[in-house]
N, C-alpha and C. Protein backbone atom coordinates (compact mmCIF):
# COMPACT_ATOMS: atom_id res chain seq x y z
N UNK A 1 0.85 -1.19 0.00
CA UNK A 1 0.00 0.00 0.00
C UNK A 1 0.89 1.25 0.00
N UNK A 2 0.49 2.21 -0.76
CA UNK A 2 1.28 3.44 -0.90
C UNK A 2 1.16 4.30 0.35
N UNK A 3 2.14 5.14 0.53
CA UNK A 3 2.17 6.00 1.71
C UNK A 3 1.79 7.44 1.39
N UNK A 4 1.86 7.83 0.14
CA UNK A 4 1.52 9.20 -0.21
C UNK A 4 0.00 9.38 -0.19
N UNK A 5 -0.43 10.51 0.31
CA UNK A 5 -1.87 10.74 0.42
C UNK A 5 -2.52 10.80 -0.95
N UNK A 6 -1.83 11.35 -1.95
CA UNK A 6 -2.39 11.43 -3.29
C UNK A 6 -2.59 10.04 -3.88
N UNK A 7 -1.67 9.13 -3.61
CA UNK A 7 -1.79 7.77 -4.12
C UNK A 7 -2.90 7.03 -3.41
N UNK A 8 -3.07 7.28 -2.12
CA UNK A 8 -4.17 6.66 -1.38
C UNK A 8 -5.51 7.13 -1.93
N UNK A 9 -5.58 8.43 -2.22
CA UNK A 9 -6.81 8.99 -2.79
C UNK A 9 -7.07 8.36 -4.16
N UNK A 10 -6.02 8.24 -4.98
CA UNK A 10 -6.17 7.65 -6.30
C UNK A 10 -6.67 6.21 -6.21
N UNK A 11 -6.19 5.47 -5.22
CA UNK A 11 -6.63 4.10 -5.00
C UNK A 11 -8.11 4.06 -4.64
N UNK A 12 -8.54 4.98 -3.78
CA UNK A 12 -9.95 5.04 -3.41
C UNK A 12 -10.81 5.38 -4.62
N UNK A 13 -10.36 6.33 -5.42
CA UNK A 13 -11.13 6.73 -6.60
C UNK A 13 -11.21 5.59 -7.62
N UNK A 14 -10.10 4.87 -7.79
CA UNK A 14 -10.08 3.76 -8.74
C UNK A 14 -11.07 2.67 -8.30
N UNK A 15 -11.11 2.41 -7.00
CA UNK A 15 -12.05 1.40 -6.50
C UNK A 15 -13.49 1.84 -6.72
N UNK A 16 -13.75 3.13 -6.50
CA UNK A 16 -15.09 3.66 -6.69
C UNK A 16 -15.50 3.55 -8.17
N UNK A 17 -14.58 3.93 -9.06
CA UNK A 17 -14.86 3.86 -10.50
C UNK A 17 -15.06 2.41 -10.95
N UNK A 18 -14.23 1.50 -10.42
CA UNK A 18 -14.34 0.09 -10.78
C UNK A 18 -15.71 -0.45 -10.39
N UNK A 19 -16.15 -0.13 -9.18
CA UNK A 19 -17.47 -0.59 -8.73
C UNK A 19 -18.58 -0.01 -9.59
N UNK A 20 -18.45 1.26 -9.92
CA UNK A 20 -19.47 1.92 -10.76
C UNK A 20 -19.51 1.29 -12.15
N UNK A 21 -18.33 1.05 -12.72
CA UNK A 21 -18.26 0.45 -14.05
C UNK A 21 -18.82 -0.97 -14.06
N UNK A 22 -18.54 -1.73 -12.99
CA UNK A 22 -19.10 -3.08 -12.89
C UNK A 22 -20.61 -3.03 -12.82
N UNK A 23 -21.15 -2.05 -12.09
CA UNK A 23 -22.59 -1.91 -11.97
C UNK A 23 -23.22 -1.59 -13.33
N UNK A 24 -22.64 -0.61 -14.05
CA UNK A 24 -23.19 -0.24 -15.35
C UNK A 24 -23.11 -1.41 -16.33
N UNK A 25 -21.98 -2.11 -16.33
CA UNK A 25 -21.81 -3.24 -17.24
C UNK A 25 -22.79 -4.36 -16.95
N UNK A 26 -22.95 -4.69 -15.69
CA UNK A 26 -23.86 -5.78 -15.31
C UNK A 26 -25.30 -5.39 -15.60
N UNK A 27 -25.68 -4.15 -15.33
CA UNK A 27 -27.03 -3.70 -15.59
C UNK A 27 -27.34 -3.78 -17.08
N UNK A 28 -26.39 -3.39 -17.91
CA UNK A 28 -26.59 -3.44 -19.35
C UNK A 28 -26.67 -4.89 -19.84
N UNK A 29 -25.81 -5.76 -19.32
CA UNK A 29 -25.86 -7.17 -19.72
C UNK A 29 -27.21 -7.78 -19.35
N UNK A 30 -27.73 -7.43 -18.18
CA UNK A 30 -29.04 -7.93 -17.78
C UNK A 30 -30.13 -7.40 -18.71
N UNK A 31 -30.02 -6.14 -19.10
CA UNK A 31 -31.02 -5.56 -20.01
C UNK A 31 -30.98 -6.25 -21.36
N UNK A 32 -29.78 -6.57 -21.84
CA UNK A 32 -29.65 -7.28 -23.12
C UNK A 32 -30.25 -8.67 -23.01
N UNK A 33 -29.98 -9.35 -21.90
CA UNK A 33 -30.54 -10.68 -21.68
C UNK A 33 -32.06 -10.64 -21.66
N UNK A 34 -32.62 -9.66 -20.95
CA UNK A 34 -34.07 -9.54 -20.88
C UNK A 34 -34.66 -9.20 -22.25
N UNK A 35 -33.95 -8.37 -23.01
CA UNK A 35 -34.43 -8.01 -24.34
C UNK A 35 -34.45 -9.23 -25.26
N UNK A 36 -33.42 -10.06 -25.18
CA UNK A 36 -33.37 -11.26 -26.02
C UNK A 36 -34.49 -12.23 -25.67
N UNK A 37 -34.94 -12.20 -24.42
CA UNK A 37 -35.99 -13.12 -23.97
C UNK A 37 -37.38 -12.69 -24.42
N UNK A 38 -37.52 -11.43 -24.86
CA UNK A 38 -38.83 -10.93 -25.29
C UNK A 38 -39.20 -11.58 -26.61
N UNK A 39 -40.40 -12.14 -26.68
CA UNK A 39 -40.85 -12.76 -27.92
C UNK A 39 -41.85 -11.87 -28.66
N UNK A 40 -42.47 -10.94 -27.96
CA UNK A 40 -43.44 -10.04 -28.58
C UNK A 40 -42.71 -8.96 -29.37
N UNK A 41 -43.00 -8.86 -30.68
CA UNK A 41 -42.28 -7.93 -31.55
C UNK A 41 -42.49 -6.48 -31.14
N UNK A 42 -43.71 -6.14 -30.74
CA UNK A 42 -44.00 -4.75 -30.37
C UNK A 42 -43.23 -4.35 -29.12
N UNK A 43 -43.20 -5.21 -28.13
CA UNK A 43 -42.46 -4.93 -26.90
C UNK A 43 -40.97 -4.84 -27.18
N UNK A 44 -40.48 -5.69 -28.10
CA UNK A 44 -39.06 -5.66 -28.46
C UNK A 44 -38.72 -4.33 -29.11
N UNK A 45 -39.59 -3.86 -30.01
CA UNK A 45 -39.35 -2.59 -30.70
C UNK A 45 -39.34 -1.41 -29.73
N UNK A 46 -40.17 -1.48 -28.69
CA UNK A 46 -40.22 -0.40 -27.71
C UNK A 46 -38.98 -0.39 -26.81
N UNK A 47 -38.44 -1.57 -26.55
CA UNK A 47 -37.34 -1.69 -25.58
C UNK A 47 -35.96 -1.49 -26.21
N UNK A 48 -35.84 -1.75 -27.51
CA UNK A 48 -34.50 -1.75 -28.14
C UNK A 48 -33.81 -0.38 -28.09
N UNK A 49 -34.49 0.76 -28.25
CA UNK A 49 -33.76 2.04 -28.16
C UNK A 49 -33.15 2.27 -26.78
N UNK A 50 -33.85 1.85 -25.76
CA UNK A 50 -33.36 2.03 -24.38
C UNK A 50 -32.08 1.21 -24.16
N UNK A 51 -32.08 -0.02 -24.63
CA UNK A 51 -30.92 -0.89 -24.46
C UNK A 51 -29.76 -0.40 -25.33
N UNK A 52 -30.05 0.05 -26.53
CA UNK A 52 -29.00 0.58 -27.41
C UNK A 52 -28.36 1.81 -26.78
N UNK A 53 -29.15 2.62 -26.13
CA UNK A 53 -28.63 3.80 -25.44
C UNK A 53 -27.69 3.39 -24.30
N UNK A 54 -28.07 2.35 -23.57
CA UNK A 54 -27.21 1.86 -22.48
C UNK A 54 -25.87 1.37 -23.03
N UNK A 55 -25.93 0.67 -24.17
CA UNK A 55 -24.71 0.15 -24.78
C UNK A 55 -23.82 1.31 -25.23
N UNK A 56 -24.43 2.33 -25.85
CA UNK A 56 -23.66 3.50 -26.29
C UNK A 56 -22.99 4.20 -25.11
N UNK A 57 -23.68 4.29 -23.99
CA UNK A 57 -23.10 4.94 -22.82
C UNK A 57 -21.89 4.15 -22.29
N UNK A 58 -21.98 2.81 -22.34
CA UNK A 58 -20.84 2.01 -21.92
C UNK A 58 -19.63 2.29 -22.80
N UNK A 59 -19.87 2.39 -24.10
CA UNK A 59 -18.76 2.66 -25.03
C UNK A 59 -18.21 4.06 -24.80
N UNK A 60 -19.09 5.02 -24.55
CA UNK A 60 -18.64 6.39 -24.33
C UNK A 60 -17.80 6.50 -23.06
N UNK A 61 -18.17 5.76 -22.04
CA UNK A 61 -17.43 5.79 -20.78
C UNK A 61 -16.15 4.96 -20.84
N UNK A 62 -15.99 4.16 -21.89
CA UNK A 62 -14.79 3.35 -22.02
C UNK A 62 -14.87 2.03 -21.29
N UNK A 63 -16.07 1.62 -20.89
CA UNK A 63 -16.23 0.35 -20.19
C UNK A 63 -16.13 -0.80 -21.18
N UNK A 64 -16.69 -0.60 -22.37
CA UNK A 64 -16.52 -1.57 -23.45
C UNK A 64 -15.99 -0.82 -24.67
N UNK A 65 -15.40 -1.56 -25.59
CA UNK A 65 -14.85 -0.97 -26.80
C UNK A 65 -15.98 -0.56 -27.74
N UNK A 66 -15.75 0.48 -28.54
CA UNK A 66 -16.81 0.98 -29.42
C UNK A 66 -17.21 -0.05 -30.46
N UNK A 67 -16.27 -0.90 -30.90
CA UNK A 67 -16.62 -1.94 -31.86
C UNK A 67 -17.49 -3.02 -31.22
N UNK A 68 -17.23 -3.32 -29.96
CA UNK A 68 -18.07 -4.29 -29.25
C UNK A 68 -19.48 -3.75 -29.11
N UNK A 69 -19.58 -2.46 -28.83
CA UNK A 69 -20.91 -1.83 -28.73
C UNK A 69 -21.63 -1.93 -30.07
N UNK A 70 -20.92 -1.67 -31.15
CA UNK A 70 -21.53 -1.75 -32.48
C UNK A 70 -21.97 -3.18 -32.78
N UNK A 71 -21.15 -4.16 -32.40
CA UNK A 71 -21.51 -5.56 -32.64
C UNK A 71 -22.74 -5.96 -31.84
N UNK A 72 -22.81 -5.53 -30.58
CA UNK A 72 -23.96 -5.87 -29.76
C UNK A 72 -25.24 -5.27 -30.34
N UNK A 73 -25.18 -4.01 -30.72
CA UNK A 73 -26.37 -3.34 -31.29
C UNK A 73 -26.76 -3.98 -32.62
N UNK A 74 -25.77 -4.39 -33.40
CA UNK A 74 -26.05 -5.03 -34.69
C UNK A 74 -26.77 -6.35 -34.49
N UNK A 75 -26.32 -7.12 -33.51
CA UNK A 75 -26.97 -8.42 -33.24
C UNK A 75 -28.40 -8.22 -32.77
N UNK A 76 -28.63 -7.22 -31.94
CA UNK A 76 -29.99 -6.96 -31.46
C UNK A 76 -30.89 -6.51 -32.61
N UNK A 77 -30.34 -5.66 -33.51
CA UNK A 77 -31.13 -5.17 -34.65
C UNK A 77 -31.42 -6.32 -35.61
N UNK A 78 -30.46 -7.24 -35.75
CA UNK A 78 -30.67 -8.39 -36.65
C UNK A 78 -31.78 -9.27 -36.12
N UNK A 79 -31.83 -9.44 -34.81
CA UNK A 79 -32.89 -10.26 -34.20
C UNK A 79 -34.24 -9.59 -34.40
N UNK A 80 -34.25 -8.26 -34.38
CA UNK A 80 -35.48 -7.51 -34.59
C UNK A 80 -36.04 -7.78 -35.98
N UNK A 81 -35.16 -7.80 -36.97
CA UNK A 81 -35.58 -8.04 -38.36
C UNK A 81 -35.88 -9.52 -38.54
């Protein structure tokens, strides 16, 4: 463990960010799973923009790569069609 106060603060911030990123990632994965389970086309169409927005936010925050976000959204759109 570091002795400098700035390094201790950085460690605390990193832990906070890690927990937040894990929460956002898990919440989005659950939303994707729930969306894939929907069989009603109308309900799927209503839910897909919300999930796509969550995926875009993950990519913007750097939690997932932008290409992974594009692939996830593409797969969801393909299932819609």
